[in-house]
Amino acid sequence: MESHRVFDRRAESYDSYNLIQRRAAARLLSRLKIDAEKIVDLGCGTGTLYRLYERPFTHWIAVDAAPAMLALHPHSPRIEKRIGNFDDATLFEELAESDFDLLLSSSALQWAEDIDWTLAQIAKLNKPTALNVFTSGTFATLHRVAGCTSPIHDRETIEKALIRRLGIRPELCRYRLYFRSTPDMLRYIQRSGVGGGTPRLSISQMRRLMESYPLNYLEFELLRSTSF
């Protein structure tokens, strides 16, 4: 999925709109039961997990495929930034040679071309992991009303891959983000980048949403998985 190009274009506005992503990331970190000194943040974006992480550490490896996102990630002598795509075996070969003791990923792995393959590569690293992965249940009503399909994997596909590759049955989590109006909602989707690889809606699809969207909120659905 070519989502990193979208996030490159939306990097400047992303932090102002990723409200649910921040909430999900905070919840993921609250579930950590280990203290890690060296951490990999896979699909780090502009640094949501880094900003929320409150435990001591010595080294943080921030990995993202979108250079514009990495450019906005905090800088520090303890931070190492790497451009890397989790659809590319080279990234995992490099991580296998890296010194770290915890792998985190929040709101990123849903963009993997082959989620089963990507999770298999993570499993081979044999490190504790904590993951948030959004499912196609995100924006389900919007997609139904607009007559389009989600660009990300469905819950069953992701859940099966997590169980098969990491041996973990994930926790299902749902969120709602409320809006004053449907135009406000559509502006949020455009400016946040959360639509990812979704094709641009046609005029008729936009009109259908404006006239027929039945909710005053967007749905978000994710699977949370921790290996400890």
Protein backbone atom coordinates (compact mmCIF):
# COMPACT_ATOMS: atom_id res chain seq x y z
CA MET A 1 0.00 0.00 0.00
CA GLU A 2 1.37 3.42 -0.97
CA SER A 3 0.31 5.02 2.31
CA HIS A 4 3.71 6.56 3.06
CA ARG A 5 3.22 8.96 0.14
CA VAL A 6 -0.05 10.15 1.66
CA PHE A 7 1.57 10.62 5.07
CA ASP A 8 4.44 12.52 3.46
CA ARG A 9 1.88 14.97 2.06
CA ARG A 10 -0.04 15.23 5.35
CA ALA A 11 2.92 15.24 7.74
CA GLU A 12 2.59 18.90 8.77
CA SER A 13 -1.07 18.57 9.79
CA TYR A 14 -0.97 15.01 11.13
CA ASP A 15 -0.23 15.81 14.78
CA SER A 16 -3.18 18.21 14.98
CA TYR A 17 -5.65 15.53 13.94
CA ASN A 18 -4.41 12.13 15.15
CA LEU A 19 -6.55 12.21 18.30
CA ILE A 20 -7.63 8.57 18.28
CA GLN A 21 -4.15 7.42 17.34
CA ARG A 22 -2.75 9.20 20.41
CA ARG A 23 -5.40 7.71 22.66
CA ALA A 24 -4.71 4.21 21.34
CA ALA A 25 -0.94 4.70 21.69
CA ALA A 26 -1.31 5.83 25.30
CA ARG A 27 -3.39 2.77 26.08
CA LEU A 28 -0.82 0.50 24.43
CA LEU A 29 1.99 1.96 26.53
CA SER A 30 -0.08 1.61 29.69
CA ARG A 31 -0.12 -2.14 29.06
CA LEU A 32 3.67 -2.50 29.09
CA LYS A 33 4.88 -4.78 31.85
CA ILE A 34 8.60 -4.67 31.10
CA ASP A 35 11.30 -2.04 31.32
CA ALA A 36 13.27 -1.74 28.09
CA GLU A 37 16.44 0.26 27.51
CA LYS A 38 16.57 0.01 23.71
CA ILE A 39 13.37 0.37 21.73
CA VAL A 40 12.33 0.09 18.09
CA ASP A 41 9.29 2.14 17.04
CA LEU A 42 8.12 0.64 13.75
CA GLY A 43 6.08 3.09 11.68
CA CYS A 44 6.91 5.84 14.15
CA GLY A 45 5.32 8.74 12.24
CA THR A 46 6.03 12.07 13.87
CA GLY A 47 6.78 10.46 17.24
CA THR A 48 3.50 9.82 19.06
CA LEU A 49 4.84 6.83 20.99
CA TYR A 50 8.11 8.60 21.79
CA ARG A 51 6.28 11.63 23.21
CA LEU A 52 4.02 9.44 25.34
CA TYR A 53 6.70 7.04 26.59
CA GLU A 54 7.52 7.90 30.23
CA ARG A 55 9.92 5.14 31.26
CA PRO A 56 13.70 5.54 31.19
CA PHE A 57 15.54 4.27 28.11
CA THR A 58 18.94 4.65 26.48
CA HIS A 59 18.26 4.28 22.74
CA TRP A 60 15.19 4.79 20.55
CA ILE A 61 15.19 3.58 16.93
CA ALA A 62 12.49 5.50 15.03
CA VAL A 63 11.58 3.77 11.75
CA ASP A 64 9.22 5.15 9.10
CA ALA A 65 8.86 4.96 5.32
CA ALA A 66 7.82 8.62 5.05
CA PRO A 67 10.81 11.00 5.24
CA ALA A 68 8.54 13.99 5.97
CA MET A 69 7.18 12.22 9.04
CA LEU A 70 10.66 11.35 10.29
CA ALA A 71 11.73 14.96 9.82
CA LEU A 72 9.06 16.02 12.34
CA HIS A 73 9.97 13.31 14.86
CA PRO A 74 11.79 14.71 17.91
CA HIS A 75 15.57 14.82 17.77
CA SER A 76 17.83 13.65 20.57
CA PRO A 77 21.26 12.01 20.99
CA ARG A 78 19.31 8.97 22.15
CA ILE A 79 17.18 8.83 19.00
CA GLU A 80 18.28 7.08 15.82
CA LYS A 81 16.07 7.73 12.80
CA ARG A 82 15.85 5.23 9.98
CA ILE A 83 13.89 5.32 6.74
CA GLY A 84 12.46 1.83 6.39
CA ASN A 85 9.47 0.07 4.86
CA PHE A 86 7.98 -2.88 6.72
CA ASP A 87 7.14 -4.49 3.36
CA ASP A 88 10.88 -4.72 2.65
CA ALA A 89 12.96 -7.67 3.86
CA THR A 90 16.01 -5.39 4.03
CA LEU A 91 14.52 -3.52 6.99
CA PHE A 92 14.11 -6.69 9.00
CA GLU A 93 17.60 -7.85 8.10
CA GLU A 94 18.90 -4.57 9.52
CA LEU A 95 16.74 -4.86 12.64
CA ALA A 96 17.99 -8.41 13.20
CA GLU A 97 21.50 -6.93 13.43
CA SER A 98 20.38 -4.13 15.76
CA ASP A 99 20.64 -4.10 19.52
CA PHE A 100 17.18 -3.58 21.05
CA ASP A 101 14.92 -5.25 23.60
CA LEU A 102 11.39 -4.06 22.75
CA LEU A 103 9.52 -3.48 19.49
CA LEU A 104 6.58 -1.08 19.47
CA SER A 105 4.22 -0.20 16.64
CA SER A 106 1.01 1.80 16.83
CA SER A 107 -1.34 2.78 14.01
CA ALA A 108 1.05 1.66 11.29
CA LEU A 109 1.04 -2.04 10.48
CA GLN A 110 -2.45 -1.93 8.93
CA TRP A 111 -0.69 -0.49 5.86
CA ALA A 112 1.45 -3.60 5.35
CA GLU A 113 0.98 -5.11 1.91
CA ASP A 114 1.00 -8.62 3.40
CA ILE A 115 0.27 -8.41 7.11
CA ASP A 116 1.01 -12.11 7.64
CA TRP A 117 4.48 -11.74 6.08
CA THR A 118 5.27 -8.59 8.04
CA LEU A 119 4.23 -10.18 11.33
CA ALA A 120 6.29 -13.25 10.46
CA GLN A 121 9.36 -11.01 10.10
CA ILE A 122 8.60 -9.37 13.45
CA ALA A 123 8.27 -12.81 15.05
CA LYS A 124 11.69 -13.82 13.71
CA LEU A 125 13.27 -10.95 15.63
CA ASN A 126 12.27 -12.81 18.80
CA LYS A 127 11.78 -9.67 20.91
CA PRO A 128 8.90 -8.55 23.13
CA THR A 129 6.36 -6.64 21.07
CA ALA A 130 3.41 -4.33 21.67
CA LEU A 131 1.26 -3.53 18.65
CA ASN A 132 -1.85 -1.54 17.71
CA VAL A 133 -3.20 -2.45 14.28
CA PHE A 134 -6.28 -0.73 12.86
CA THR A 135 -8.78 -2.86 10.92
CA SER A 136 -11.20 -2.20 8.07
CA GLY A 137 -13.86 -1.70 10.73
CA THR A 138 -12.42 1.81 10.91
CA PHE A 139 -14.75 4.17 8.98
CA ALA A 140 -17.05 1.21 8.28
CA THR A 141 -20.22 3.30 7.97
CA LEU A 142 -18.50 5.93 5.84
CA HIS A 143 -17.28 3.29 3.41
CA ARG A 144 -20.72 1.67 3.27
CA VAL A 145 -22.54 4.95 2.57
CA ALA A 146 -19.95 6.15 0.04
CA GLY A 147 -19.98 2.79 -1.72
CA CYS A 148 -16.23 2.19 -1.44
CA THR A 149 -14.03 -0.36 0.29
CA SER A 150 -11.47 0.07 3.03
CA PRO A 151 -7.81 0.17 1.94
CA ILE A 152 -6.71 -1.74 5.06
CA HIS A 153 -7.02 -5.35 6.12
CA ASP A 154 -10.13 -6.75 7.77
CA ARG A 155 -10.22 -7.83 11.40
CA GLU A 156 -10.24 -11.56 10.65
CA THR A 157 -7.12 -11.35 8.45
CA ILE A 158 -5.15 -9.36 11.03
CA GLU A 159 -6.32 -11.48 13.96
CA LYS A 160 -5.39 -14.73 12.22
CA ALA A 161 -1.96 -13.36 11.36
CA LEU A 162 -1.32 -12.19 14.95
CA ILE A 163 -2.29 -15.57 16.36
CA ARG A 164 -0.37 -17.52 13.73
CA ARG A 165 2.84 -15.49 13.82
CA LEU A 166 3.02 -14.19 17.39
CA GLY A 167 0.90 -16.78 19.18
CA ILE A 168 -1.28 -14.08 20.73
CA ARG A 169 -5.02 -13.57 20.63
CA PRO A 170 -5.36 -9.79 20.37
CA GLU A 171 -7.71 -7.48 22.22
CA LEU A 172 -10.44 -5.86 20.11
CA CYS A 173 -10.78 -2.11 20.76
CA ARG A 174 -13.27 0.38 19.34
CA TYR A 175 -13.28 4.17 19.49
CA ARG A 176 -15.55 6.97 18.32
CA LEU A 177 -14.57 10.47 17.28
CA TYR A 178 -17.47 12.94 17.25
CA PHE A 179 -17.98 15.89 14.88
CA ARG A 180 -20.32 18.88 14.71
CA SER A 181 -21.06 18.19 11.04
CA THR A 182 -20.31 15.85 8.17
CA PRO A 183 -18.15 18.53 6.43
CA ASP A 184 -16.04 18.75 9.61
CA MET A 185 -15.66 14.99 9.53
CA LEU A 186 -14.55 14.98 5.90
CA ARG A 187 -12.03 17.75 6.58
CA TYR A 188 -10.62 15.68 9.44
CA ILE A 189 -10.12 12.67 7.16
CA GLN A 190 -8.42 14.80 4.52
CA ARG A 191 -6.07 16.66 6.86
CA SER A 192 -5.13 13.81 9.15
CA GLY A 193 -4.05 11.36 6.47
CA VAL A 194 -6.01 8.56 8.16
CA GLY A 195 -7.65 7.77 4.85
CA GLY A 196 -4.27 6.46 3.75
CA GLY A 197 -4.48 4.80 0.38
CA THR A 198 -8.24 5.32 -0.08
CA PRO A 199 -8.92 6.61 -3.59
CA ARG A 200 -10.22 10.18 -3.70
CA LEU A 201 -14.00 10.15 -3.39
CA SER A 202 -15.97 11.15 -6.46
CA ILE A 203 -18.38 14.08 -6.45
CA SER A 204 -21.32 11.66 -6.28
CA GLN A 205 -19.77 9.82 -3.33
CA MET A 206 -19.14 13.08 -1.50
CA ARG A 207 -22.74 14.16 -2.14
CA ARG A 208 -23.99 10.81 -0.86
CA LEU A 209 -22.01 11.24 2.35
CA MET A 210 -23.19 14.81 2.85
CA GLU A 211 -26.82 13.77 2.39
CA SER A 212 -26.93 10.31 3.92
CA TYR A 213 -24.19 9.78 6.51
CA PRO A 214 -26.27 8.70 9.54
CA LEU A 215 -23.83 9.28 12.40
CA ASN A 216 -22.21 12.24 14.13
CA TYR A 217 -19.00 10.29 14.65
CA LEU A 218 -16.43 8.15 12.88
CA GLU A 219 -15.80 4.59 13.99
CA PHE A 220 -12.30 3.28 14.67
CA GLU A 221 -11.49 -0.39 15.26
CA LEU A 222 -8.12 -1.86 16.16
CA LEU A 223 -6.50 -5.00 17.48
CA ARG A 224 -4.06 -4.61 20.34
CA SER A 225 -1.43 -7.29 20.90
CA THR A 226 1.29 -7.58 23.53
CA SER A 227 3.71 -10.51 23.79
CA PHE A 228 4.46 -10.32 27.51
